[in-house]
All heavy atoms as atom14 arrays in JSON, in Angstrom:
{
  "sequence": "AARLVLRDLHRFRALALGPGLGRDDRTAAAVARLVAEAPCPIVVDA",
  "atom14_mask": [
    [1, 1, 1, 1, 1, 0, 0, 0, 0, 0, 0, 0, 0, 0],
    [1, 1, 1, 1, 1, 0, 0, 0, 0, 0, 0, 0, 0, 0],
    [1, 1, 1, 1, 1, 1, 1, 1, 1, 1, 1, 0, 0, 0],
    [1, 1, 1, 1, 1, 1, 1, 1, 0, 0, 0, 0, 0, 0],
    [1, 1, 1, 1, 1, 1, 1, 0, 0, 0, 0, 0, 0, 0],
    [1, 1, 1, 1, 1, 1, 1, 1, 0, 0, 0, 0, 0, 0],
    [1, 1, 1, 1, 1, 1, 1, 1, 1, 1, 1, 0, 0, 0],
    [1, 1, 1, 1, 1, 1, 1, 1, 0, 0, 0, 0, 0, 0],
    [1, 1, 1, 1, 1, 1, 1, 1, 0, 0, 0, 0, 0, 0],
    [1, 1, 1, 1, 1, 1, 1, 1, 1, 1, 0, 0, 0, 0],
    [1, 1, 1, 1, 1, 1, 1, 1, 1, 1, 1, 0, 0, 0],
    [1, 1, 1, 1, 1, 1, 1, 1, 1, 1, 1, 0, 0, 0],
    [1, 1, 1, 1, 1, 1, 1, 1, 1, 1, 1, 0, 0, 0],
    [1, 1, 1, 1, 1, 0, 0, 0, 0, 0, 0, 0, 0, 0],
    [1, 1, 1, 1, 1, 1, 1, 1, 0, 0, 0, 0, 0, 0],
    [1, 1, 1, 1, 1, 0, 0, 0, 0, 0, 0, 0, 0, 0],
    [1, 1, 1, 1, 1, 1, 1, 1, 0, 0, 0, 0, 0, 0],
    [1, 1, 1, 1, 0, 0, 0, 0, 0, 0, 0, 0, 0, 0],
    [1, 1, 1, 1, 1, 1, 1, 0, 0, 0, 0, 0, 0, 0],
    [1, 1, 1, 1, 0, 0, 0, 0, 0, 0, 0, 0, 0, 0],
    [1, 1, 1, 1, 1, 1, 1, 1, 0, 0, 0, 0, 0, 0],
    [1, 1, 1, 1, 0, 0, 0, 0, 0, 0, 0, 0, 0, 0],
    [1, 1, 1, 1, 1, 1, 1, 1, 1, 1, 1, 0, 0, 0],
    [1, 1, 1, 1, 1, 1, 1, 1, 0, 0, 0, 0, 0, 0],
    [1, 1, 1, 1, 1, 1, 1, 1, 0, 0, 0, 0, 0, 0],
    [1, 1, 1, 1, 1, 1, 1, 1, 1, 1, 1, 0, 0, 0],
    [1, 1, 1, 1, 1, 1, 1, 0, 0, 0, 0, 0, 0, 0],
    [1, 1, 1, 1, 1, 0, 0, 0, 0, 0, 0, 0, 0, 0],
    [1, 1, 1, 1, 1, 0, 0, 0, 0, 0, 0, 0, 0, 0],
    [1, 1, 1, 1, 1, 0, 0, 0, 0, 0, 0, 0, 0, 0],
    [1, 1, 1, 1, 1, 1, 1, 0, 0, 0, 0, 0, 0, 0],
    [1, 1, 1, 1, 1, 0, 0, 0, 0, 0, 0, 0, 0, 0],
    [1, 1, 1, 1, 1, 1, 1, 1, 1, 1, 1, 0, 0, 0],
    [1, 1, 1, 1, 1, 1, 1, 1, 0, 0, 0, 0, 0, 0],
    [1, 1, 1, 1, 1, 1, 1, 0, 0, 0, 0, 0, 0, 0],
    [1, 1, 1, 1, 1, 0, 0, 0, 0, 0, 0, 0, 0, 0],
    [1, 1, 1, 1, 1, 1, 1, 1, 1, 0, 0, 0, 0, 0],
    [1, 1, 1, 1, 1, 0, 0, 0, 0, 0, 0, 0, 0, 0],
    [1, 1, 1, 1, 1, 1, 1, 0, 0, 0, 0, 0, 0, 0],
    [1, 1, 1, 1, 1, 1, 0, 0, 0, 0, 0, 0, 0, 0],
    [1, 1, 1, 1, 1, 1, 1, 0, 0, 0, 0, 0, 0, 0],
    [1, 1, 1, 1, 1, 1, 1, 1, 0, 0, 0, 0, 0, 0],
    [1, 1, 1, 1, 1, 1, 1, 0, 0, 0, 0, 0, 0, 0],
    [1, 1, 1, 1, 1, 1, 1, 0, 0, 0, 0, 0, 0, 0],
    [1, 1, 1, 1, 1, 1, 1, 1, 0, 0, 0, 0, 0, 0],
    [1, 1, 1, 1, 1, 0, 0, 0, 0, 0, 0, 0, 0, 0]
  ],
  "atom14_positions": [
    [[-17.69, 7.07, -5.63], [-18.2, 7.49, -4.34], [-19.64, 7.02, -4.13], [-20.03, 6.68, -3.0], [-18.13, 9.01, -4.22], [0.0, 0.0, 0.0], [0.0, 0.0, 0.0], [0.0, 0.0, 0.0], [0.0, 0.0, 0.0], [0.0, 0.0, 0.0], [0.0, 0.0, 0.0], [0.0, 0.0, 0.0], [0.0, 0.0, 0.0], [0.0, 0.0, 0.0]],
    [[-20.42, 6.96, -5.19], [-21.81, 6.54, -5.06], [-21.92, 5.13, -4.51], [-22.76, 4.84, -3.65], [-22.52, 6.64, -6.41], [0.0, 0.0, 0.0], [0.0, 0.0, 0.0], [0.0, 0.0, 0.0], [0.0, 0.0, 0.0], [0.0, 0.0, 0.0], [0.0, 0.0, 0.0], [0.0, 0.0, 0.0], [0.0, 0.0, 0.0], [0.0, 0.0, 0.0]],
    [[-21.05, 4.23, -4.96], [-21.08, 2.84, -4.49], [-20.82, 2.78, -2.98], [-21.51, 2.07, -2.25], [-20.04, 2.01, -5.25], [-19.95, 0.56, -4.79], [-18.86, -0.16, -5.54], [-17.53, 0.41, -5.3], [-16.78, 0.1, -4.23], [-17.24, -0.73, -3.3], [-15.6, 0.66, -4.08], [0.0, 0.0, 0.0], [0.0, 0.0, 0.0], [0.0, 0.0, 0.0]],
    [[-19.87, 3.55, -2.51], [-19.53, 3.53, -1.09], [-20.64, 4.13, -0.24], [-20.94, 3.63, 0.85], [-18.21, 4.26, -0.86], [-16.99, 3.68, -1.58], [-15.75, 4.51, -1.26], [-16.78, 2.23, -1.19], [0.0, 0.0, 0.0], [0.0, 0.0, 0.0], [0.0, 0.0, 0.0], [0.0, 0.0, 0.0], [0.0, 0.0, 0.0], [0.0, 0.0, 0.0]],
    [[-21.23, 5.2, -0.71], [-22.34, 5.8, 0.03], [-23.52, 4.83, 0.1], [-24.11, 4.62, 1.18], [-22.77, 7.13, -0.62], [-24.07, 7.65, 0.02], [-21.67, 8.17, -0.51], [0.0, 0.0, 0.0], [0.0, 0.0, 0.0], [0.0, 0.0, 0.0], [0.0, 0.0, 0.0], [0.0, 0.0, 0.0], [0.0, 0.0, 0.0], [0.0, 0.0, 0.0]],
    [[-23.86, 4.22, -1.01], [-24.99, 3.29, -1.03], [-24.73, 2.08, -0.14], [-25.66, 1.54, 0.48], [-25.28, 2.84, -2.47], [-25.87, 3.92, -3.38], [-25.85, 3.46, -4.83], [-27.3, 4.26, -2.96], [0.0, 0.0, 0.0], [0.0, 0.0, 0.0], [0.0, 0.0, 0.0], [0.0, 0.0, 0.0], [0.0, 0.0, 0.0], [0.0, 0.0, 0.0]],
    [[-23.48, 1.68, -0.04], [-23.13, 0.53, 0.81], [-23.46, 0.81, 2.28], [-23.89, -0.08, 3.02], [-21.64, 0.23, 0.66], [-21.16, -0.99, 1.43], [-19.64, -1.04, 1.42], [-19.06, 0.09, 2.18], [-17.76, 0.38, 2.21], [-16.91, -0.35, 1.49], [-17.32, 1.4, 2.92], [0.0, 0.0, 0.0], [0.0, 0.0, 0.0], [0.0, 0.0, 0.0]],
    [[-23.28, 2.08, 2.7], [-23.47, 2.43, 4.11], [-24.8, 3.09, 4.41], [-25.12, 3.35, 5.58], [-22.35, 3.38, 4.55], [-20.98, 2.71, 4.55], [-20.94, 1.47, 4.61], [-19.98, 3.45, 4.47], [0.0, 0.0, 0.0], [0.0, 0.0, 0.0], [0.0, 0.0, 0.0], [0.0, 0.0, 0.0], [0.0, 0.0, 0.0], [0.0, 0.0, 0.0]],
    [[-25.59, 3.38, 3.38], [-26.77, 4.23, 3.59], [-27.87, 3.53, 4.39], [-28.77, 4.2, 4.91], [-27.31, 4.67, 2.22], [-28.06, 6.01, 2.16], [-27.28, 7.12, 2.84], [-28.36, 6.37, 0.71], [0.0, 0.0, 0.0], [0.0, 0.0, 0.0], [0.0, 0.0, 0.0], [0.0, 0.0, 0.0], [0.0, 0.0, 0.0], [0.0, 0.0, 0.0]],
    [[-27.8, 2.21, 4.53], [-28.83, 1.51, 5.29], [-28.85, 1.95, 6.76], [-29.86, 1.78, 7.46], [-28.6, 0.0, 5.23], [-27.34, -0.45, 5.91], [-26.09, -0.36, 5.31], [-27.13, -0.96, 7.16], [-25.17, -0.82, 6.17], [-25.78, -1.18, 7.28], [0.0, 0.0, 0.0], [0.0, 0.0, 0.0], [0.0, 0.0, 0.0], [0.0, 0.0, 0.0]],
    [[-27.78, 2.55, 7.24], [-27.7, 2.99, 8.64], [-28.38, 4.35, 8.84], [-28.62, 4.75, 9.98], [-26.25, 3.1, 9.08], [-25.45, 1.82, 8.97], [-24.05, 2.03, 9.49], [-24.03, 2.27, 10.94], [-22.97, 2.7, 11.61], [-21.84, 2.97, 10.95], [-23.02, 2.89, 12.92], [0.0, 0.0, 0.0], [0.0, 0.0, 0.0], [0.0, 0.0, 0.0]],
    [[-28.67, 5.03, 7.75], [-29.18, 6.4, 7.83], [-30.65, 6.45, 7.47], [-31.15, 5.65, 6.68], [-28.38, 7.31, 6.91], [-26.93, 7.44, 7.28], [-25.99, 6.52, 6.84], [-26.5, 8.48, 8.1], [-24.65, 6.62, 7.19], [-25.16, 8.59, 8.46], [-24.24, 7.66, 8.0], [0.0, 0.0, 0.0], [0.0, 0.0, 0.0], [0.0, 0.0, 0.0]],
    [[-31.33, 7.48, 8.0], [-32.75, 7.66, 7.7], [-32.97, 8.6, 6.52], [-34.08, 8.66, 5.98], [-33.46, 8.24, 8.94], [-33.47, 7.32, 10.15], [-34.42, 6.16, 9.97], [-35.77, 6.61, 9.71], [-36.64, 7.0, 10.64], [-36.27, 7.02, 11.92], [-37.86, 7.38, 10.32], [0.0, 0.0, 0.0], [0.0, 0.0, 0.0], [0.0, 0.0, 0.0]],
    [[-31.95, 9.36, 6.13], [-32.12, 10.31, 5.03], [-30.76, 10.7, 4.47], [-29.72, 10.5, 5.12], [-32.88, 11.56, 5.49], [0.0, 0.0, 0.0], [0.0, 0.0, 0.0], [0.0, 0.0, 0.0], [0.0, 0.0, 0.0], [0.0, 0.0, 0.0], [0.0, 0.0, 0.0], [0.0, 0.0, 0.0], [0.0, 0.0, 0.0], [0.0, 0.0, 0.0]],
    [[-30.79, 11.28, 3.26], [-29.58, 11.72, 2.56], [-29.79, 13.14, 2.05], [-30.82, 13.45, 1.43], [-29.29, 10.79, 1.38], [-28.22, 11.23, 0.37], [-26.84, 11.23, 1.02], [-28.24, 10.32, -0.86], [0.0, 0.0, 0.0], [0.0, 0.0, 0.0], [0.0, 0.0, 0.0], [0.0, 0.0, 0.0], [0.0, 0.0, 0.0], [0.0, 0.0, 0.0]],
    [[-28.81, 14.01, 2.31], [-28.8, 15.37, 1.74], [-27.66, 15.45, 0.75], [-26.52, 15.09, 1.06], [-28.63, 16.41, 2.84], [0.0, 0.0, 0.0], [0.0, 0.0, 0.0], [0.0, 0.0, 0.0], [0.0, 0.0, 0.0], [0.0, 0.0, 0.0], [0.0, 0.0, 0.0], [0.0, 0.0, 0.0], [0.0, 0.0, 0.0], [0.0, 0.0, 0.0]],
    [[-27.95, 15.94, -0.44], [-27.01, 15.8, -1.56], [-26.9, 17.1, -2.35], [-27.92, 17.68, -2.73], [-27.53, 14.67, -2.47], [-26.78, 14.34, -3.75], [-25.38, 13.81, -3.45], [-27.57, 13.3, -4.56], [0.0, 0.0, 0.0], [0.0, 0.0, 0.0], [0.0, 0.0, 0.0], [0.0, 0.0, 0.0], [0.0, 0.0, 0.0], [0.0, 0.0, 0.0]],
    [[-25.66, 17.56, -2.57], [-25.49, 18.59, -3.58], [-24.66, 19.82, -3.3], [-23.83, 20.2, -4.14], [0.0, 0.0, 0.0], [0.0, 0.0, 0.0], [0.0, 0.0, 0.0], [0.0, 0.0, 0.0], [0.0, 0.0, 0.0], [0.0, 0.0, 0.0], [0.0, 0.0, 0.0], [0.0, 0.0, 0.0], [0.0, 0.0, 0.0], [0.0, 0.0, 0.0]],
    [[-24.87, 20.54, -2.18], [-24.18, 21.83, -2.03], [-22.66, 21.71, -2.11], [-22.05, 20.87, -1.43], [-24.62, 22.29, -0.64], [-25.98, 21.7, -0.47], [-25.86, 20.34, -1.11], [0.0, 0.0, 0.0], [0.0, 0.0, 0.0], [0.0, 0.0, 0.0], [0.0, 0.0, 0.0], [0.0, 0.0, 0.0], [0.0, 0.0, 0.0], [0.0, 0.0, 0.0]],
    [[-22.07, 22.52, -2.97], [-20.62, 22.59, -3.07], [-19.96, 21.44, -3.79], [-18.73, 21.35, -3.8], [0.0, 0.0, 0.0], [0.0, 0.0, 0.0], [0.0, 0.0, 0.0], [0.0, 0.0, 0.0], [0.0, 0.0, 0.0], [0.0, 0.0, 0.0], [0.0, 0.0, 0.0], [0.0, 0.0, 0.0], [0.0, 0.0, 0.0], [0.0, 0.0, 0.0]],
    [[-20.73, 20.54, -4.42], [-20.12, 19.36, -5.06], [-19.34, 19.71, -6.31], [-18.43, 18.97, -6.7], [-21.21, 18.35, -5.43], [-21.72, 17.43, -4.32], [-22.82, 16.53, -4.86], [-20.6, 16.61, -3.72], [0.0, 0.0, 0.0], [0.0, 0.0, 0.0], [0.0, 0.0, 0.0], [0.0, 0.0, 0.0], [0.0, 0.0, 0.0], [0.0, 0.0, 0.0]],
    [[-19.68, 20.8, -6.98], [-19.04, 21.11, -8.25], [-19.74, 20.41, -9.41], [-20.7, 19.65, -9.21], [0.0, 0.0, 0.0], [0.0, 0.0, 0.0], [0.0, 0.0, 0.0], [0.0, 0.0, 0.0], [0.0, 0.0, 0.0], [0.0, 0.0, 0.0], [0.0, 0.0, 0.0], [0.0, 0.0, 0.0], [0.0, 0.0, 0.0], [0.0, 0.0, 0.0]],
    [[-19.24, 20.63, -10.62], [-19.97, 20.17, -11.81], [-19.13, 19.27, -12.71], [-19.31, 19.22, -13.92], [-20.49, 21.39, -12.58], [-21.44, 22.2, -11.73], [-22.03, 23.4, -12.44], [-22.95, 24.11, -11.56], [-23.64, 25.19, -11.91], [-23.49, 25.7, -13.12], [-24.46, 25.76, -11.05], [0.0, 0.0, 0.0], [0.0, 0.0, 0.0], [0.0, 0.0, 0.0]],
    [[-18.21, 18.55, -12.12], [-17.42, 17.57, -12.85], [-18.34, 16.46, -13.37], [-19.3, 16.07, -12.71], [-16.35, 17.0, -11.91], [-15.35, 16.12, -12.64], [-15.7, 14.97, -12.96], [-14.21, 16.58, -12.88], [0.0, 0.0, 0.0], [0.0, 0.0, 0.0], [0.0, 0.0, 0.0], [0.0, 0.0, 0.0], [0.0, 0.0, 0.0], [0.0, 0.0, 0.0]],
    [[-18.04, 15.94, -14.56], [-18.86, 14.87, -15.14], [-18.88, 13.63, -14.25], [-19.9, 12.93, -14.16], [-18.35, 14.5, -16.52], [-18.64, 15.57, -17.56], [-19.47, 16.45, -17.29], [-18.01, 15.53, -18.64], [0.0, 0.0, 0.0], [0.0, 0.0, 0.0], [0.0, 0.0, 0.0], [0.0, 0.0, 0.0], [0.0, 0.0, 0.0], [0.0, 0.0, 0.0]],
    [[-17.76, 13.34, -13.59], [-17.72, 12.17, -12.71], [-18.58, 12.39, -11.47], [-19.21, 11.47, -10.96], [-16.26, 11.87, -12.32], [-15.42, 11.35, -13.49], [-13.93, 11.6, -13.29], [-13.6, 13.03, -13.39], [-12.35, 13.49, -13.38], [-11.32, 12.65, -13.29], [-12.13, 14.79, -13.46], [0.0, 0.0, 0.0], [0.0, 0.0, 0.0], [0.0, 0.0, 0.0]],
    [[-18.63, 13.63, -11.01], [-19.52, 13.96, -9.9], [-20.97, 13.79, -10.31], [-21.79, 13.24, -9.56], [-19.28, 15.42, -9.44], [-17.92, 15.58, -9.07], [-20.18, 15.78, -8.28], [0.0, 0.0, 0.0], [0.0, 0.0, 0.0], [0.0, 0.0, 0.0], [0.0, 0.0, 0.0], [0.0, 0.0, 0.0], [0.0, 0.0, 0.0], [0.0, 0.0, 0.0]],
    [[-21.29, 14.24, -11.51], [-22.66, 14.1, -12.02], [-23.07, 12.63, -12.11], [-24.22, 12.28, -11.81], [-22.78, 14.77, -13.38], [0.0, 0.0, 0.0], [0.0, 0.0, 0.0], [0.0, 0.0, 0.0], [0.0, 0.0, 0.0], [0.0, 0.0, 0.0], [0.0, 0.0, 0.0], [0.0, 0.0, 0.0], [0.0, 0.0, 0.0], [0.0, 0.0, 0.0]],
    [[-22.14, 11.76, -12.5], [-22.44, 10.33, -12.57], [-22.74, 9.76, -11.18], [-23.66, 8.95, -11.01], [-21.28, 9.59, -13.21], [0.0, 0.0, 0.0], [0.0, 0.0, 0.0], [0.0, 0.0, 0.0], [0.0, 0.0, 0.0], [0.0, 0.0, 0.0], [0.0, 0.0, 0.0], [0.0, 0.0, 0.0], [0.0, 0.0, 0.0], [0.0, 0.0, 0.0]],
    [[-21.97, 10.21, -10.18], [-22.22, 9.76, -8.81], [-23.57, 10.25, -8.32], [-24.33, 9.51, -7.67], [-21.1, 10.24, -7.9], [0.0, 0.0, 0.0], [0.0, 0.0, 0.0], [0.0, 0.0, 0.0], [0.0, 0.0, 0.0], [0.0, 0.0, 0.0], [0.0, 0.0, 0.0], [0.0, 0.0, 0.0], [0.0, 0.0, 0.0], [0.0, 0.0, 0.0]],
    [[-23.88, 11.51, -8.61], [-25.16, 12.07, -8.22], [-26.3, 11.28, -8.84], [-27.29, 10.93, -8.17], [-25.26, 13.55, -8.62], [-26.7, 14.05, -8.52], [-24.35, 14.4, -7.75], [0.0, 0.0, 0.0], [0.0, 0.0, 0.0], [0.0, 0.0, 0.0], [0.0, 0.0, 0.0], [0.0, 0.0, 0.0], [0.0, 0.0, 0.0], [0.0, 0.0, 0.0]],
    [[-26.19, 10.98, -10.12], [-27.25, 10.24, -10.83], [-27.52, 8.9, -10.16], [-28.68, 8.51, -9.96], [-26.86, 10.05, -12.29], [0.0, 0.0, 0.0], [0.0, 0.0, 0.0], [0.0, 0.0, 0.0], [0.0, 0.0, 0.0], [0.0, 0.0, 0.0], [0.0, 0.0, 0.0], [0.0, 0.0, 0.0], [0.0, 0.0, 0.0], [0.0, 0.0, 0.0]],
    [[-26.47, 8.19, -9.8], [-26.68, 6.88, -9.19], [-27.3, 7.01, -7.79], [-28.19, 6.24, -7.43], [-25.36, 6.11, -9.1], [-25.55, 4.69, -8.56], [-24.3, 3.87, -8.59], [-24.58, 2.56, -8.01], [-23.65, 1.64, -7.74], [-22.36, 1.9, -7.99], [-24.0, 0.49, -7.19], [0.0, 0.0, 0.0], [0.0, 0.0, 0.0], [0.0, 0.0, 0.0]],
    [[-26.85, 7.99, -7.02], [-27.41, 8.17, -5.68], [-28.89, 8.54, -5.75], [-29.7, 8.03, -4.97], [-26.63, 9.25, -4.93], [-25.21, 8.85, -4.49], [-24.47, 10.06, -3.93], [-25.28, 7.74, -3.45], [0.0, 0.0, 0.0], [0.0, 0.0, 0.0], [0.0, 0.0, 0.0], [0.0, 0.0, 0.0], [0.0, 0.0, 0.0], [0.0, 0.0, 0.0]],
    [[-29.25, 9.42, -6.66], [-30.65, 9.81, -6.79], [-31.5, 8.62, -7.21], [-32.6, 8.39, -6.68], [-30.8, 10.96, -7.79], [-32.28, 11.22, -8.12], [-30.17, 12.24, -7.23], [0.0, 0.0, 0.0], [0.0, 0.0, 0.0], [0.0, 0.0, 0.0], [0.0, 0.0, 0.0], [0.0, 0.0, 0.0], [0.0, 0.0, 0.0], [0.0, 0.0, 0.0]],
    [[-31.0, 7.81, -8.12], [-31.76, 6.68, -8.63], [-31.91, 5.56, -7.61], [-32.94, 4.88, -7.57], [-31.1, 6.14, -9.89], [0.0, 0.0, 0.0], [0.0, 0.0, 0.0], [0.0, 0.0, 0.0], [0.0, 0.0, 0.0], [0.0, 0.0, 0.0], [0.0, 0.0, 0.0], [0.0, 0.0, 0.0], [0.0, 0.0, 0.0], [0.0, 0.0, 0.0]],
    [[-30.88, 5.37, -6.75], [-30.85, 4.15, -5.94], [-30.94, 4.35, -4.43], [-31.17, 3.37, -3.7], [-29.56, 3.37, -6.26], [-29.45, 2.93, -7.71], [-28.18, 2.17, -7.98], [-27.65, 1.51, -7.05], [-27.7, 2.21, -9.13], [0.0, 0.0, 0.0], [0.0, 0.0, 0.0], [0.0, 0.0, 0.0], [0.0, 0.0, 0.0], [0.0, 0.0, 0.0]],
    [[-30.75, 5.54, -3.92], [-30.78, 5.73, -2.47], [-32.13, 5.26, -1.91], [-33.17, 5.77, -2.32], [-30.54, 7.19, -2.12], [0.0, 0.0, 0.0], [0.0, 0.0, 0.0], [0.0, 0.0, 0.0], [0.0, 0.0, 0.0], [0.0, 0.0, 0.0], [0.0, 0.0, 0.0], [0.0, 0.0, 0.0], [0.0, 0.0, 0.0], [0.0, 0.0, 0.0]],
    [[-32.13, 4.31, -0.99], [-33.4, 3.75, -0.52], [-34.15, 4.63, 0.47], [-35.33, 4.4, 0.74], [-32.96, 2.45, 0.16], [-31.57, 2.73, 0.63], [-30.96, 3.63, -0.41], [0.0, 0.0, 0.0], [0.0, 0.0, 0.0], [0.0, 0.0, 0.0], [0.0, 0.0, 0.0], [0.0, 0.0, 0.0], [0.0, 0.0, 0.0], [0.0, 0.0, 0.0]],
    [[-33.48, 5.64, 1.0], [-34.08, 6.51, 2.01], [-34.58, 7.81, 1.38], [-34.25, 8.12, 0.22], [-33.05, 6.81, 3.1], [-31.55, 7.59, 2.46], [0.0, 0.0, 0.0], [0.0, 0.0, 0.0], [0.0, 0.0, 0.0], [0.0, 0.0, 0.0], [0.0, 0.0, 0.0], [0.0, 0.0, 0.0], [0.0, 0.0, 0.0], [0.0, 0.0, 0.0]],
    [[-35.34, 8.61, 2.1], [-35.72, 9.94, 1.59], [-34.48, 10.79, 1.32], [-33.49, 10.71, 2.05], [-36.55, 10.54, 2.73], [-37.07, 9.36, 3.47], [-35.98, 8.33, 3.41], [0.0, 0.0, 0.0], [0.0, 0.0, 0.0], [0.0, 0.0, 0.0], [0.0, 0.0, 0.0], [0.0, 0.0, 0.0], [0.0, 0.0, 0.0], [0.0, 0.0, 0.0]],
    [[-34.53, 11.61, 0.26], [-33.38, 12.43, -0.11], [-33.82, 13.85, -0.41], [-34.94, 14.1, -0.87], [-32.61, 11.87, -1.32], [-33.49, 11.86, -2.59], [-32.1, 10.47, -1.04], [-32.71, 11.48, -3.85], [0.0, 0.0, 0.0], [0.0, 0.0, 0.0], [0.0, 0.0, 0.0], [0.0, 0.0, 0.0], [0.0, 0.0, 0.0], [0.0, 0.0, 0.0]],
    [[-32.92, 14.79, -0.13], [-33.09, 16.18, -0.54], [-31.94, 16.53, -1.46], [-30.78, 16.22, -1.15], [-33.18, 17.14, 0.67], [-32.03, 16.98, 1.64], [-33.26, 18.59, 0.2], [0.0, 0.0, 0.0], [0.0, 0.0, 0.0], [0.0, 0.0, 0.0], [0.0, 0.0, 0.0], [0.0, 0.0, 0.0], [0.0, 0.0, 0.0], [0.0, 0.0, 0.0]],
    [[-32.25, 17.14, -2.6], [-31.27, 17.39, -3.65], [-31.21, 18.89, -3.92], [-32.23, 19.52, -4.2], [-31.65, 16.64, -4.95], [-30.57, 16.81, -6.0], [-31.88, 15.16, -4.65], [0.0, 0.0, 0.0], [0.0, 0.0, 0.0], [0.0, 0.0, 0.0], [0.0, 0.0, 0.0], [0.0, 0.0, 0.0], [0.0, 0.0, 0.0], [0.0, 0.0, 0.0]],
    [[-29.99, 19.44, -3.88], [-29.84, 20.89, -3.99], [-28.62, 21.22, -4.83], [-27.76, 20.38, -5.11], [-29.7, 21.49, -2.57], [-29.68, 23.02, -2.55], [-30.24, 23.63, -3.49], [-29.11, 23.59, -1.62], [0.0, 0.0, 0.0], [0.0, 0.0, 0.0], [0.0, 0.0, 0.0], [0.0, 0.0, 0.0], [0.0, 0.0, 0.0], [0.0, 0.0, 0.0]],
    [[-28.55, 22.48, -5.25], [-27.34, 23.1, -5.8], [-26.76, 22.3, -6.96], [-27.44, 22.06, -7.95], [-26.32, 23.31, -4.68], [0.0, 0.0, 0.0], [0.0, 0.0, 0.0], [0.0, 0.0, 0.0], [0.0, 0.0, 0.0], [0.0, 0.0, 0.0], [0.0, 0.0, 0.0], [0.0, 0.0, 0.0], [0.0, 0.0, 0.0], [0.0, 0.0, 0.0]]
  ]
}
């Protein structure tokens, strides 16, 4: 999912990430990549 989000994120001014995502290891890997690479301002929660 991180790859697909990053592919489209150039259209957005910001990213909000986290509430209700759950704690699956694969989810954590997606979160890690989005936090590291998202080019826009981000808010990270939950």
